[in-house]
PDB file of N, CA and C in Angstrom:
ATOM      1  N   MET A   1      98.656  78.235 104.127  1.00  0.00           N
ATOM      2  CA  MET A   1      98.021  79.498 104.426  1.00  0.00           C
ATOM      3  C   MET A   1      97.123  79.363 105.659  1.00  0.00           C
ATOM      4  N   LYS A   2      96.505  78.202 105.796  1.00  0.00           N
ATOM      5  CA  LYS A   2      95.644  77.980 106.953  1.00  0.00           C
ATOM      6  C   LYS A   2      96.457  77.995 108.244  1.00  0.00           C
ATOM      7  N   ILE A   3      97.643  77.424 108.198  1.00  0.00           N
ATOM      8  CA  ILE A   3      98.480  77.363 109.391  1.00  0.00           C
ATOM      9  C   ILE A   3      98.873  78.769 109.838  1.00  0.00           C
ATOM     10  N   ILE A   4      99.227  79.616 108.897  1.00  0.00           N
ATOM     11  CA  ILE A   4      99.599  80.993 109.228  1.00  0.00           C
ATOM     12  C   ILE A   4      98.397  81.725 109.811  1.00  0.00           C
ATOM     13  N   GLY A   5      97.238  81.546 109.190  1.00  0.00           N
ATOM     14  CA  GLY A   5      96.026  82.204 109.682  1.00  0.00           C
ATOM     15  C   GLY A   5      95.658  81.762 111.087  1.00  0.00           C
ATOM     16  N   VAL A   6      95.720  80.468 111.330  1.00  0.00           N
ATOM     17  CA  VAL A   6      95.392  79.940 112.658  1.00  0.00           C
ATOM     18  C   VAL A   6      96.403  80.431 113.683  1.00  0.00           C
ATOM     19  N   SER A   7      97.680  80.445 113.314  1.00  0.00           N
ATOM     20  CA  SER A   7      98.718  80.921 114.241  1.00  0.00           C
ATOM     21  C   SER A   7      98.502  82.383 114.608  1.00  0.00           C
ATOM     22  N   LEU A   8      98.211  83.211 113.609  1.00  0.00           N
ATOM     23  CA  LEU A   8      97.972  84.628 113.883  1.00  0.00           C
ATOM     24  C   LEU A   8      96.690  84.832 114.695  1.00  0.00           C
ATOM     25  N   LEU A   9      95.669  84.030 114.418  1.00  0.00           N
ATOM     26  CA  LEU A   9      94.429  84.125 115.189  1.00  0.00           C
ATOM     27  C   LEU A   9      94.660  83.749 116.653  1.00  0.00           C
ATOM     28  N   LEU A  10      95.410  82.685 116.890  1.00  0.00           N
ATOM     29  CA  LEU A  10      95.722  82.287 118.264  1.00  0.00           C
ATOM     30  C   LEU A  10      96.562  83.343 118.972  1.00  0.00           C
ATOM     31  N   PHE A  11      97.557  83.879 118.274  1.00  0.00           N
ATOM     32  CA  PHE A  11      98.411  84.907 118.868  1.00  0.00           C
ATOM     33  C   PHE A  11      97.584  86.131 119.247  1.00  0.00           C
ATOM     34  N   GLY A  12      96.733  86.577 118.337  1.00  0.00           N
ATOM     35  CA  GLY A  12      95.888  87.730 118.612  1.00  0.00           C
ATOM     36  C   GLY A  12      94.925  87.485 119.761  1.00  0.00           C
ATOM     37  N   SER A  13      94.353  86.288 119.794  1.00  0.00           N
ATOM     38  CA  SER A  13      93.423  85.949 120.877  1.00  0.00           C
ATOM     39  C   SER A  13      94.123  85.925 122.230  1.00  0.00           C
ATOM     40  N   LEU A  14      95.315  85.377 122.278  1.00  0.00           N
ATOM     41  CA  LEU A  14      96.057  85.310 123.536  1.00  0.00           C
ATOM     42  C   LEU A  14      96.501  86.691 124.008  1.00  0.00           C
ATOM     43  N   ILE A  15      96.918  87.535 123.081  1.00  0.00           N
ATOM     44  CA  ILE A  15      97.284  88.906 123.445  1.00  0.00           C
ATOM     45  C   ILE A  15      96.060  89.647 123.959  1.00  0.00           C
ATOM     46  N   ALA A  16      94.912  89.477 123.274  1.00  0.00           N
ATOM     47  CA  ALA A  16      93.681  90.137 123.717  1.00  0.00           C
ATOM     48  C   ALA A  16      93.265  89.646 125.105  1.00  0.00           C
ATOM     49  N   LEU A  17      93.400  88.352 125.356  1.00  0.00           N
ATOM     50  CA  LEU A  17      93.073  87.812 126.676  1.00  0.00           C
ATOM     51  C   LEU A  17      93.995  88.398 127.743  1.00  0.00           C
ATOM     52  N   SER A  18      95.275  88.476 127.447  1.00  0.00           N
ATOM     53  CA  SER A  18      96.241  89.026 128.399  1.00  0.00           C
ATOM     54  C   SER A  18      95.939  90.495 128.686  1.00  0.00           C
ATOM     55  N   VAL A  19      95.664  91.258 127.641  1.00  0.00           N
ATOM     56  CA  VAL A  19      95.349  92.680 127.823  1.00  0.00           C
ATOM     57  C   VAL A  19      94.040  92.825 128.591  1.00  0.00           C
ATOM     58  N   GLY A  20      93.054  91.995 128.272  1.00  0.00           N
ATOM     59  CA  GLY A  20      91.779  92.048 128.979  1.00  0.00           C
ATOM     60  C   GLY A  20      91.913  91.759 130.462  1.00  0.00           C
ATOM     61  N   ILE A  21      92.694  90.771 130.802  1.00  0.00           N
ATOM     62  CA  ILE A  21      92.919  90.452 132.216  1.00  0.00           C
ATOM     63  C   ILE A  21      93.612  91.614 132.923  1.00  0.00           C
ATOM     64  N   ASP A  22      94.603  92.219 132.264  1.00  0.00           N
ATOM     65  CA  ASP A  22      95.286  93.369 132.869  1.00  0.00           C
ATOM     66  C   ASP A  22      94.324  94.544 133.053  1.00  0.00           C
ATOM     67  N   LEU A  23      93.440  94.757 132.093  1.00  0.00           N
ATOM     68  CA  LEU A  23      92.476  95.855 132.221  1.00  0.00           C
ATOM     69  C   LEU A  23      91.511  95.603 133.372  1.00  0.00           C
ATOM     70  N   PHE A  24      91.086  94.355 133.564  1.00  0.00           N
ATOM     71  CA  PHE A  24      90.205  94.032 134.678  1.00  0.00           C
ATOM     72  C   PHE A  24      90.911  94.216 136.021  1.00  0.00           C
ATOM     73  N   GLN A  25      92.227  94.113 136.029  1.00  0.00           N
ATOM     74  CA  GLN A  25      92.981  94.309 137.271  1.00  0.00           C
ATOM     75  C   GLN A  25      93.218  95.778 137.576  1.00  0.00           C
ATOM     76  N   GLY A  26      92.847  96.647 136.633  1.00  0.00           N
ATOM     77  CA  GLY A  26      92.930  98.077 136.915  1.00  0.00           C
ATOM     78  C   GLY A  26      94.064  98.817 136.245  1.00  0.00           C
ATOM     79  N   THR A  27      94.807  98.200 135.366  1.00  0.00           N
ATOM     80  CA  THR A  27      95.879  98.930 134.678  1.00  0.00           C
ATOM     81  C   THR A  27      95.297  99.662 133.477  1.00  0.00           C
ATOM     82  N   ASN A  28      96.030 100.663 132.982  1.00  0.00           N
ATOM     83  CA  ASN A  28      95.561 101.359 131.788  1.00  0.00           C
ATOM     84  C   ASN A  28      95.966 100.568 130.542  1.00  0.00           C
ATOM     85  N   VAL A  29      95.493 101.005 129.393  1.00  0.00           N
ATOM     86  CA  VAL A  29      95.691 100.248 128.148  1.00  0.00           C
ATOM     87  C   VAL A  29      97.167 100.166 127.776  1.00  0.00           C
ATOM     88  N   LEU A  30      97.903 101.262 127.898  1.00  0.00           N
ATOM     89  CA  LEU A  30      99.320 101.248 127.519  1.00  0.00           C
ATOM     90  C   LEU A  30     100.126 100.295 128.400  1.00  0.00           C
ATOM     91  N   GLN A  31      99.852 100.308 129.691  1.00  0.00           N
ATOM     92  CA  GLN A  31     100.562  99.400 130.597  1.00  0.00           C
ATOM     93  C   GLN A  31     100.178  97.950 130.304  1.00  0.00           C
ATOM     94  N   ALA A  32      98.919  97.698 129.959  1.00  0.00           N
ATOM     95  CA  ALA A  32      98.475  96.345 129.636  1.00  0.00           C
ATOM     96  C   ALA A  32      99.167  95.839 128.370  1.00  0.00           C
ATOM     97  N   LEU A  33      99.289  96.697 127.363  1.00  0.00           N
ATOM     98  CA  LEU A  33     100.008  96.303 126.135  1.00  0.00           C
ATOM     99  C   LEU A  33     101.489  96.072 126.416  1.00  0.00           C
ATOM    100  N   TYR A  34     102.065  96.921 127.252  1.00  0.00           N
ATOM    101  CA  TYR A  34     103.473  96.741 127.619  1.00  0.00           C
ATOM    102  C   TYR A  34     103.667  95.402 128.331  1.00  0.00           C
ATOM    103  N   ASN A  35     102.759  95.052 129.235  1.00  0.00           N
ATOM    104  CA  ASN A  35     102.856  93.782 129.943  1.00  0.00           C
ATOM    105  C   ASN A  35     102.713  92.599 128.993  1.00  0.00           C
ATOM    106  N   ALA A  36     101.868  92.739 127.981  1.00  0.00           N
ATOM    107  CA  ALA A  36     101.656  91.643 127.036  1.00  0.00           C
ATOM    108  C   ALA A  36     102.885  91.427 126.151  1.00  0.00           C
ATOM    109  N   LEU A  37     103.577  92.502 125.825  1.00  0.00           N
ATOM    110  CA  LEU A  37     104.721  92.400 124.914  1.00  0.00           C
ATOM    111  C   LEU A  37     106.064  92.412 125.622  1.00  0.00           C
ATOM    112  N   SER A  38     106.081  92.524 126.939  1.00  0.00           N
ATOM    113  CA  SER A  38     107.346  92.626 127.669  1.00  0.00           C
ATOM    114  C   SER A  38     108.225  91.381 127.601  1.00  0.00           C
ATOM    115  N   PRO A  39     107.701  90.159 127.434  1.00  0.00           N
ATOM    116  CA  PRO A  39     108.633  89.025 127.325  1.00  0.00           C
ATOM    117  C   PRO A  39     109.593  89.153 126.144  1.00  0.00           C
ATOM    118  N   PHE A  40     109.178  89.859 125.092  1.00  0.00           N
ATOM    119  CA  PHE A  40     110.064  90.030 123.950  1.00  0.00           C
ATOM    120  C   PHE A  40     111.124  91.091 124.215  1.00  0.00           C
ATOM    121  N   ARG A  41     110.925  91.945 125.194  1.00  0.00           N
ATOM    122  CA  ARG A  41     111.870  93.019 125.493  1.00  0.00           C
ATOM    123  C   ARG A  41     113.055  92.547 126.335  1.00  0.00           C
ATOM    124  N   VAL A  42     112.902  91.466 127.050  1.00  0.00           N
ATOM    125  CA  VAL A  42     113.974  91.018 127.947  1.00  0.00           C
ATOM    126  C   VAL A  42     114.765  89.840 127.371  1.00  0.00           C
ATOM    127  N   MET A  43     114.553  89.527 126.109  1.00  0.00           N
ATOM    128  CA  MET A  43     115.255  88.395 125.500  1.00  0.00           C
ATOM    129  C   MET A  43     116.701  88.769 125.196  1.00  0.00           C
ATOM    130  N   GLU A  44     117.575  87.811 125.374  1.00  0.00           N
ATOM    131  CA  GLU A  44     118.982  87.994 125.033  1.00  0.00           C
ATOM    132  C   GLU A  44     119.154  87.878 123.519  1.00  0.00           C
ATOM    133  N   VAL A  45     120.328  88.219 123.040  1.00  0.00           N
ATOM    134  CA  VAL A  45     120.602  88.197 121.604  1.00  0.00           C
ATOM    135  C   VAL A  45     120.449  86.785 121.044  1.00  0.00           C
ATOM    136  N   ALA A  46     120.935  85.796 121.745  1.00  0.00           N
ATOM    137  CA  ALA A  46     120.836  84.412 121.262  1.00  0.00           C
ATOM    138  C   ALA A  46     119.377  83.973 121.194  1.00  0.00           C
ATOM    139  N   GLU A  47     118.576  84.361 122.174  1.00  0.00           N
ATOM    140  CA  GLU A  47     117.160  83.996 122.161  1.00  0.00           C
ATOM    141  C   GLU A  47     116.427  84.681 121.014  1.00  0.00           C
ATOM    142  N   LEU A  48     116.754  85.936 120.752  1.00  0.00           N
ATOM    143  CA  LEU A  48     116.153  86.639 119.622  1.00  0.00           C
ATOM    144  C   LEU A  48     116.554  85.996 118.305  1.00  0.00           C
ATOM    145  N   PHE A  49     117.811  85.573 118.194  1.00  0.00           N
ATOM    146  CA  PHE A  49     118.272  84.902 116.979  1.00  0.00           C
ATOM    147  C   PHE A  49     117.487  83.616 116.741  1.00  0.00           C
ATOM    148  N   VAL A  50     117.300  82.830 117.772  1.00  0.00           N
ATOM    149  CA  VAL A  50     116.546  81.582 117.646  1.00  0.00           C
ATOM    150  C   VAL A  50     115.094  81.876 117.278  1.00  0.00           C
ATOM    151  N   LEU A  51     114.482  82.866 117.917  1.00  0.00           N
ATOM    152  CA  LEU A  51     113.106  83.231 117.627  1.00  0.00           C
ATOM    153  C   LEU A  51     112.940  83.636 116.175  1.00  0.00           C
ATOM    154  N   PHE A  52     113.792  84.533 115.695  1.00  0.00           N
ATOM    155  CA  PHE A  52     113.669  85.002 114.319  1.00  0.00           C
ATOM    156  C   PHE A  52     114.042  83.907 113.325  1.00  0.00           C
ATOM    157  N   SER A  53     114.952  83.028 113.684  1.00  0.00           N
ATOM    158  CA  SER A  53     115.282  81.901 112.811  1.00  0.00           C
ATOM    159  C   SER A  53     114.085  80.971 112.650  1.00  0.00           C
ATOM    160  N   LEU A  54     113.446  80.650 113.755  1.00  0.00           N
ATOM    161  CA  LEU A  54     112.267  79.783 113.687  1.00  0.00           C
ATOM    162  C   LEU A  54     111.139  80.430 112.901  1.00  0.00           C
ATOM    163  N   LEU A  55     110.922  81.726 113.118  1.00  0.00           N
ATOM    164  CA  LEU A  55     109.894  82.422 112.343  1.00  0.00           C
ATOM    165  C   LEU A  55     110.238  82.443 110.861  1.00  0.00           C
ATOM    166  N   PHE A  56     111.506  82.677 110.537  1.00  0.00           N
ATOM    167  CA  PHE A  56     111.924  82.679 109.134  1.00  0.00           C
ATOM    168  C   PHE A  56     111.695  81.315 108.485  1.00  0.00           C
ATOM    169  N   PHE A  57     112.089  80.242 109.166  1.00  0.00           N
ATOM    170  CA  PHE A  57     111.895  78.911 108.605  1.00  0.00           C
ATOM    171  C   PHE A  57     110.419  78.570 108.454  1.00  0.00           C
ATOM    172  N   PHE A  58     109.598  79.019 109.390  1.00  0.00           N
ATOM    173  CA  PHE A  58     108.164  78.776 109.317  1.00  0.00           C
ATOM    174  C   PHE A  58     107.571  79.441 108.072  1.00  0.00           C
ATOM    175  N   PHE A  59     107.887  80.726 107.867  1.00  0.00           N
ATOM    176  CA  PHE A  59     107.333  81.443 106.723  1.00  0.00           C
ATOM    177  C   PHE A  59     107.973  80.987 105.416  1.00  0.00           C
ATOM    178  N   ALA A  60     109.246  80.622 105.436  1.00  0.00           N
ATOM    179  CA  ALA A  60     109.907  80.137 104.222  1.00  0.00           C
ATOM    180  C   ALA A  60     109.298  78.816 103.773  1.00  0.00           C
ATOM    181  N   GLU A  61     109.025  77.923 104.706  1.00  0.00           N
ATOM    182  CA  GLU A  61     108.408  76.647 104.352  1.00  0.00           C
ATOM    183  C   GLU A  61     106.995  76.852 103.813  1.00  0.00           C
ATOM    184  N   SER A  62     106.251  77.757 104.416  1.00  0.00           N
ATOM    185  CA  SER A  62     104.900  78.043 103.943  1.00  0.00           C
ATOM    186  C   SER A  62     104.936  78.607 102.529  1.00  0.00           C
ATOM    187  N   LEU A  63     105.848  79.527 102.282  1.00  0.00           N
ATOM    188  CA  LEU A  63     105.989  80.097 100.946  1.00  0.00           C
ATOM    189  C   LEU A  63     106.410  79.034  99.943  1.00  0.00           C
ATOM    190  N   TYR A  64     107.322  78.167 100.323  1.00  0.00           N
ATOM    191  CA  TYR A  64     107.766  77.085  99.443  1.00  0.00           C
ATOM    192  C   TYR A  64     106.603  76.171  99.078  1.00  0.00           C
ATOM    193  N   LEU A  65     105.778  75.810 100.051  1.00  0.00           N
ATOM    194  CA  LEU A  65     104.642  74.930  99.783  1.00  0.00           C
ATOM    195  C   LEU A  65     103.611  75.598  98.889  1.00  0.00           C
ATOM    196  N   ILE A  66     103.397  76.897  99.071  1.00  0.00           N
ATOM    197  CA  ILE A  66     102.458  77.623  98.209  1.00  0.00           C
ATOM    198  C   ILE A  66     102.967  77.659  96.783  1.00  0.00           C
ATOM    199  N   LEU A  67     104.252  77.957  96.614  1.00  0.00           N
ATOM    200  CA  LEU A  67     104.823  78.002  95.262  1.00  0.00           C
ATOM    201  C   LEU A  67     104.826  76.620  94.612  1.00  0.00           C
ATOM    202  N   LYS A  68     105.074  75.599  95.384  1.00  0.00           N
ATOM    203  CA  LYS A  68     105.070  74.237  94.859  1.00  0.00           C
ATOM    204  C   LYS A  68     103.674  73.847  94.392  1.00  0.00           C
ATOM    205  N   LYS A  69     102.648  74.233  95.133  1.00  0.00           N
ATOM    206  CA  LYS A  69     101.265  73.944  94.744  1.00  0.00           C
ATOM    207  C   LYS A  69     100.898  74.645  93.451  1.00  0.00           C
ATOM    208  N   ARG A  70     101.323  75.900  93.320  1.00  0.00           N
ATOM    209  CA  ARG A  70     101.026  76.659  92.106  1.00  0.00           C
ATOM    210  C   ARG A  70     101.696  76.036  90.886  1.00  0.00           C
ATOM    211  N   GLN A  71     102.908  75.534  91.049  1.00  0.00           N
ATOM    212  CA  GLN A  71     103.608  74.915  89.927  1.00  0.00           C
ATOM    213  C   GLN A  71     102.953  73.605  89.518  1.00  0.00           C
ATOM    214  N   GLN A  72     102.408  72.869  90.472  1.00  0.00           N
ATOM    215  CA  GLN A  72     101.744  71.609  90.153  1.00  0.00           C
ATOM    216  C   GLN A  72     100.435  71.854  89.416  1.00  0.00           C
ATOM    217  N   LYS A  73      99.765  72.972  89.675  1.00  0.00           N
ATOM    218  CA  LYS A  73      98.509  73.285  88.992  1.00  0.00           C
ATOM    219  C   LYS A  73      98.758  73.652  87.535  1.00  0.00           C
ATOM    220  N   GLN A  74      99.929  74.195  87.242  1.00  0.00           N
ATOM    221  CA  GLN A  74     100.234  74.596  85.862  1.00  0.00           C
ATOM    222  C   GLN A  74     100.712  73.435  85.097  1.00  0.00           C
TER     223      GLN A  74
END
């Protein structure tokens, strides 16, 4: 659970930093958000498959470890 929390915190911090830098350069909020999320818009199908596969395995392993811990406590 800590790994997921830290990963989401880092992701949010990096997106906020990217949006903040774009705002300081004079873009509006919508354009800054678009710039922050645009790398995901230009990915090919194979790249999206790899991305979602890695995310699935990451969350599946985390869920497995949580369930395993709960079973050991019982």
